[in-house]
Amino acid sequence: MSDEIEDAPVLFAVGFEGALLGVGRQFNSDVAVYDYSKCVSILMEEQDFSYEDAVEWMEYNVVGAYVGKTTPIFLMDQEYYQEVVDAEKKDAAT
């Protein structure tokens, strides 16, 4: 770790302004925090994706895109996260 504090800007995810919850803070950086389920809804509305396609696109192109220490965070509430975990278990069992 460096004892220098870098002046890195917060990176915002283009197209997901309606899902922005705010800015989170962690050691030496601030990051944009988005509502994951709202991002999925935005993709379904604006790109005419099915739910499954929106989640797949979100995981690969958004959540999977590391752009440095100020990469945004996509937050799932506990209920939504449990639904995702249950669906993944079901998919793994088939």
N, C-alpha and C. Protein backbone atom coordinates (compact mmCIF):
# COMPACT_ATOMS: atom_id res chain seq x y z
N MET A 1 0.83 -1.19 0.00
CA MET A 1 0.00 0.00 0.00
C MET A 1 0.87 1.25 0.00
N SER A 2 0.41 2.24 -0.62
CA SER A 2 1.13 3.50 -0.68
C SER A 2 0.55 4.46 0.35
N ASP A 3 1.43 5.32 0.90
CA ASP A 3 0.92 6.31 1.83
C ASP A 3 0.56 7.61 1.10
N GLU A 4 0.57 7.59 -0.23
CA GLU A 4 0.12 8.73 -1.01
C GLU A 4 -1.38 8.62 -1.25
N ILE A 5 -2.06 9.73 -1.20
CA ILE A 5 -3.48 9.77 -1.51
C ILE A 5 -3.64 10.31 -2.91
N GLU A 6 -4.17 9.47 -3.78
CA GLU A 6 -4.36 9.88 -5.17
C GLU A 6 -5.70 10.60 -5.30
N ASP A 7 -5.74 11.57 -6.18
CA ASP A 7 -6.96 12.33 -6.44
C ASP A 7 -7.67 11.74 -7.65
N ALA A 8 -8.26 10.54 -7.46
CA ALA A 8 -8.94 9.85 -8.55
C ALA A 8 -10.41 10.25 -8.58
N PRO A 9 -10.93 10.56 -9.77
CA PRO A 9 -12.35 10.92 -9.85
C PRO A 9 -13.24 9.69 -9.69
N VAL A 10 -14.47 9.95 -9.32
CA VAL A 10 -15.45 8.87 -9.24
C VAL A 10 -15.86 8.53 -10.67
N LEU A 11 -15.91 7.25 -10.99
CA LEU A 11 -16.36 6.81 -12.31
C LEU A 11 -17.83 6.45 -12.25
N PHE A 12 -18.60 7.02 -13.15
CA PHE A 12 -20.03 6.74 -13.20
C PHE A 12 -20.34 5.87 -14.41
N ALA A 13 -21.28 4.96 -14.26
CA ALA A 13 -21.68 4.04 -15.33
C ALA A 13 -22.70 4.74 -16.22
N VAL A 14 -22.32 4.95 -17.45
CA VAL A 14 -23.18 5.64 -18.41
C VAL A 14 -24.44 4.81 -18.68
N GLY A 15 -25.58 5.46 -18.64
CA GLY A 15 -26.84 4.80 -18.91
C GLY A 15 -27.57 4.30 -17.68
N PHE A 16 -26.91 4.32 -16.54
CA PHE A 16 -27.52 3.82 -15.32
C PHE A 16 -27.77 4.92 -14.28
N GLU A 17 -27.93 6.13 -14.75
CA GLU A 17 -28.14 7.27 -13.84
C GLU A 17 -29.34 7.04 -12.92
N GLY A 18 -30.40 6.41 -13.44
CA GLY A 18 -31.60 6.14 -12.64
C GLY A 18 -31.40 5.10 -11.56
N ALA A 19 -30.29 4.40 -11.57
CA ALA A 19 -30.01 3.36 -10.57
C ALA A 19 -28.93 3.80 -9.56
N LEU A 20 -28.43 5.01 -9.72
CA LEU A 20 -27.36 5.50 -8.83
C LEU A 20 -27.90 5.70 -7.42
N LEU A 21 -27.28 5.05 -6.45
CA LEU A 21 -27.65 5.20 -5.05
C LEU A 21 -26.86 6.30 -4.37
N GLY A 22 -25.63 6.49 -4.80
CA GLY A 22 -24.77 7.49 -4.19
C GLY A 22 -23.31 7.12 -4.40
N VAL A 23 -22.48 7.64 -3.52
CA VAL A 23 -21.04 7.38 -3.61
C VAL A 23 -20.60 6.72 -2.31
N GLY A 24 -19.87 5.61 -2.46
CA GLY A 24 -19.32 4.91 -1.31
C GLY A 24 -17.87 5.30 -1.11
N ARG A 25 -17.41 5.19 0.10
CA ARG A 25 -16.02 5.54 0.41
C ARG A 25 -15.30 4.31 0.90
N GLN A 26 -14.06 4.18 0.43
CA GLN A 26 -13.17 3.16 0.95
C GLN A 26 -11.78 3.76 0.98
N PHE A 27 -10.84 3.05 1.53
CA PHE A 27 -9.49 3.59 1.70
C PHE A 27 -8.98 4.21 0.41
N ASN A 28 -8.69 5.48 0.43
CA ASN A 28 -8.10 6.24 -0.67
C ASN A 28 -8.94 6.33 -1.94
N SER A 29 -10.20 5.98 -1.90
CA SER A 29 -11.00 6.16 -3.11
C SER A 29 -12.49 6.24 -2.80
N ASP A 30 -13.18 6.92 -3.66
CA ASP A 30 -14.63 7.00 -3.62
C ASP A 30 -15.14 6.27 -4.86
N VAL A 31 -16.24 5.55 -4.70
CA VAL A 31 -16.79 4.79 -5.83
C VAL A 31 -18.29 5.01 -5.92
N ALA A 32 -18.78 5.05 -7.16
CA ALA A 32 -20.21 5.14 -7.38
C ALA A 32 -20.86 3.81 -6.98
N VAL A 33 -22.03 3.89 -6.38
CA VAL A 33 -22.76 2.70 -5.95
C VAL A 33 -24.13 2.70 -6.64
N TYR A 34 -24.43 1.60 -7.32
CA TYR A 34 -25.67 1.48 -8.08
C TYR A 34 -26.52 0.34 -7.54
N ASP A 35 -27.82 0.45 -7.73
CA ASP A 35 -28.76 -0.60 -7.40
C ASP A 35 -28.75 -1.61 -8.56
N TYR A 36 -28.25 -2.80 -8.30
CA TYR A 36 -28.11 -3.83 -9.34
C TYR A 36 -29.44 -4.13 -10.01
N SER A 37 -30.48 -4.36 -9.23
CA SER A 37 -31.77 -4.74 -9.81
C SER A 37 -32.35 -3.60 -10.65
N LYS A 38 -32.11 -2.35 -10.27
CA LYS A 38 -32.57 -1.23 -11.10
C LYS A 38 -31.78 -1.17 -12.40
N CYS A 39 -30.51 -1.51 -12.36
CA CYS A 39 -29.71 -1.56 -13.59
C CYS A 39 -30.28 -2.62 -14.54
N VAL A 40 -30.65 -3.77 -14.00
CA VAL A 40 -31.25 -4.83 -14.82
C VAL A 40 -32.56 -4.33 -15.43
N SER A 41 -33.36 -3.65 -14.63
CA SER A 41 -34.64 -3.10 -15.14
C SER A 41 -34.40 -2.09 -16.25
N ILE A 42 -33.39 -1.26 -16.10
CA ILE A 42 -33.05 -0.27 -17.13
C ILE A 42 -32.68 -0.98 -18.43
N LEU A 43 -31.89 -2.03 -18.33
CA LEU A 43 -31.52 -2.79 -19.53
C LEU A 43 -32.75 -3.42 -20.19
N MET A 44 -33.65 -3.94 -19.38
CA MET A 44 -34.86 -4.55 -19.93
C MET A 44 -35.72 -3.51 -20.65
N GLU A 45 -35.84 -2.34 -20.05
CA GLU A 45 -36.65 -1.27 -20.63
C GLU A 45 -36.01 -0.66 -21.87
N GLU A 46 -34.77 -0.24 -21.72
CA GLU A 46 -34.14 0.55 -22.77
C GLU A 46 -33.53 -0.28 -23.90
N GLN A 47 -33.16 -1.53 -23.61
CA GLN A 47 -32.57 -2.38 -24.63
C GLN A 47 -33.52 -3.50 -25.08
N ASP A 48 -34.70 -3.53 -24.46
CA ASP A 48 -35.69 -4.55 -24.78
C ASP A 48 -35.15 -5.97 -24.55
N PHE A 49 -34.33 -6.13 -23.48
CA PHE A 49 -33.79 -7.43 -23.11
C PHE A 49 -34.80 -8.18 -22.27
N SER A 50 -34.78 -9.51 -22.36
CA SER A 50 -35.49 -10.33 -21.38
C SER A 50 -34.74 -10.20 -20.06
N TYR A 51 -35.35 -10.66 -18.97
CA TYR A 51 -34.67 -10.61 -17.67
C TYR A 51 -33.35 -11.38 -17.73
N GLU A 52 -33.39 -12.58 -18.29
CA GLU A 52 -32.19 -13.41 -18.35
C GLU A 52 -31.09 -12.75 -19.18
N ASP A 53 -31.46 -12.17 -20.32
CA ASP A 53 -30.47 -11.49 -21.16
C ASP A 53 -29.90 -10.26 -20.47
N ALA A 54 -30.75 -9.54 -19.75
CA ALA A 54 -30.29 -8.34 -19.04
C ALA A 54 -29.29 -8.71 -17.95
N VAL A 55 -29.57 -9.79 -17.21
CA VAL A 55 -28.64 -10.23 -16.16
C VAL A 55 -27.33 -10.70 -16.78
N GLU A 56 -27.42 -11.48 -17.85
CA GLU A 56 -26.20 -11.96 -18.50
C GLU A 56 -25.36 -10.78 -19.01
N TRP A 57 -26.00 -9.81 -19.65
CA TRP A 57 -25.28 -8.64 -20.17
C TRP A 57 -24.68 -7.83 -19.02
N MET A 58 -25.46 -7.68 -17.96
CA MET A 58 -25.00 -6.93 -16.78
C MET A 58 -23.77 -7.60 -16.17
N GLU A 59 -23.82 -8.91 -16.00
CA GLU A 59 -22.70 -9.63 -15.39
C GLU A 59 -21.44 -9.55 -16.24
N TYR A 60 -21.58 -9.76 -17.53
CA TYR A 60 -20.40 -9.81 -18.40
C TYR A 60 -19.85 -8.43 -18.72
N ASN A 61 -20.72 -7.50 -19.09
CA ASN A 61 -20.28 -6.20 -19.60
C ASN A 61 -20.16 -5.10 -18.57
N VAL A 62 -20.83 -5.26 -17.44
CA VAL A 62 -20.83 -4.19 -16.44
C VAL A 62 -20.09 -4.64 -15.17
N VAL A 63 -20.64 -5.63 -14.49
CA VAL A 63 -20.02 -6.11 -13.26
C VAL A 63 -18.64 -6.69 -13.53
N GLY A 64 -18.49 -7.35 -14.67
CA GLY A 64 -17.22 -7.98 -15.02
C GLY A 64 -16.18 -7.04 -15.59
N ALA A 65 -16.49 -5.77 -15.69
CA ALA A 65 -15.56 -4.79 -16.28
C ALA A 65 -14.82 -4.06 -15.17
N TYR A 66 -13.62 -4.52 -14.86
CA TYR A 66 -12.80 -3.84 -13.86
C TYR A 66 -12.04 -2.71 -14.53
N VAL A 67 -12.25 -1.49 -14.03
CA VAL A 67 -11.59 -0.32 -14.62
C VAL A 67 -10.73 0.42 -13.60
N GLY A 68 -10.23 -0.32 -12.64
CA GLY A 68 -9.35 0.28 -11.65
C GLY A 68 -10.03 0.39 -10.29
N LYS A 69 -9.33 1.02 -9.37
CA LYS A 69 -9.82 1.05 -7.98
C LYS A 69 -11.09 1.87 -7.80
N THR A 70 -11.45 2.65 -8.79
CA THR A 70 -12.71 3.40 -8.69
C THR A 70 -13.83 2.76 -9.51
N THR A 71 -13.68 1.47 -9.82
CA THR A 71 -14.75 0.73 -10.50
C THR A 71 -16.02 0.81 -9.64
N PRO A 72 -17.15 1.15 -10.25
CA PRO A 72 -18.39 1.23 -9.47
C PRO A 72 -18.77 -0.09 -8.82
N ILE A 73 -19.58 0.03 -7.79
CA ILE A 73 -20.13 -1.12 -7.07
C ILE A 73 -21.60 -1.25 -7.46
N PHE A 74 -22.05 -2.49 -7.67
CA PHE A 74 -23.44 -2.75 -8.01
C PHE A 74 -24.04 -3.56 -6.86
N LEU A 75 -24.84 -2.89 -6.07
CA LEU A 75 -25.37 -3.42 -4.82
C LEU A 75 -26.68 -4.16 -5.02
N MET A 76 -26.76 -5.36 -4.44
CA MET A 76 -28.01 -6.13 -4.42
C MET A 76 -28.52 -6.10 -2.99
N ASP A 77 -29.83 -5.82 -2.82
CA ASP A 77 -30.35 -5.95 -1.47
C ASP A 77 -30.40 -7.43 -1.11
N GLN A 78 -30.57 -7.73 0.16
CA GLN A 78 -30.46 -9.11 0.63
C GLN A 78 -31.47 -10.04 -0.03
N GLU A 79 -32.70 -9.57 -0.21
CA GLU A 79 -33.74 -10.41 -0.82
C GLU A 79 -33.41 -10.73 -2.28
N TYR A 80 -32.98 -9.72 -3.03
CA TYR A 80 -32.64 -9.93 -4.43
C TYR A 80 -31.43 -10.86 -4.54
N TYR A 81 -30.44 -10.65 -3.67
CA TYR A 81 -29.25 -11.51 -3.68
C TYR A 81 -29.63 -12.97 -3.43
N GLN A 82 -30.55 -13.20 -2.48
CA GLN A 82 -30.98 -14.57 -2.19
C GLN A 82 -31.65 -15.20 -3.41
N GLU A 83 -32.44 -14.40 -4.14
CA GLU A 83 -33.07 -14.91 -5.36
C GLU A 83 -32.01 -15.31 -6.40
N VAL A 84 -30.97 -14.51 -6.52
CA VAL A 84 -29.89 -14.80 -7.47
C VAL A 84 -29.17 -16.09 -7.06
N VAL A 85 -28.85 -16.23 -5.79
CA VAL A 85 -28.17 -17.42 -5.30
C VAL A 85 -29.03 -18.66 -5.53
N ASP A 86 -30.33 -18.55 -5.24
CA ASP A 86 -31.22 -19.69 -5.44
C ASP A 86 -31.29 -20.09 -6.93
N ALA A 87 -31.36 -19.10 -7.80
CA ALA A 87 -31.42 -19.37 -9.25
C ALA A 87 -30.12 -20.03 -9.72
N GLU A 88 -28.98 -19.55 -9.21
CA GLU A 88 -27.69 -20.15 -9.60
C GLU A 88 -27.59 -21.59 -9.13
N LYS A 89 -28.08 -21.88 -7.93
CA LYS A 89 -28.07 -23.26 -7.42
C LYS A 89 -28.95 -24.15 -8.30
N LYS A 90 -30.12 -23.62 -8.67
CA LYS A 90 -31.03 -24.39 -9.51
C LYS A 90 -30.40 -24.67 -10.88
N ASP A 91 -29.74 -23.66 -11.46
CA ASP A 91 -29.08 -23.84 -12.76
C ASP A 91 -27.95 -24.85 -12.66
N ALA A 92 -27.20 -24.82 -11.56
CA ALA A 92 -26.09 -25.74 -11.39
C ALA A 92 -26.56 -27.19 -11.23
N ALA A 93 -27.77 -27.36 -10.70
CA ALA A 93 -28.31 -28.69 -10.47
C ALA A 93 -28.86 -29.33 -11.75
N THR A 94 -29.10 -28.51 -12.77
CA THR A 94 -29.66 -29.06 -14.01
C THR A 94 -28.62 -29.38 -15.03
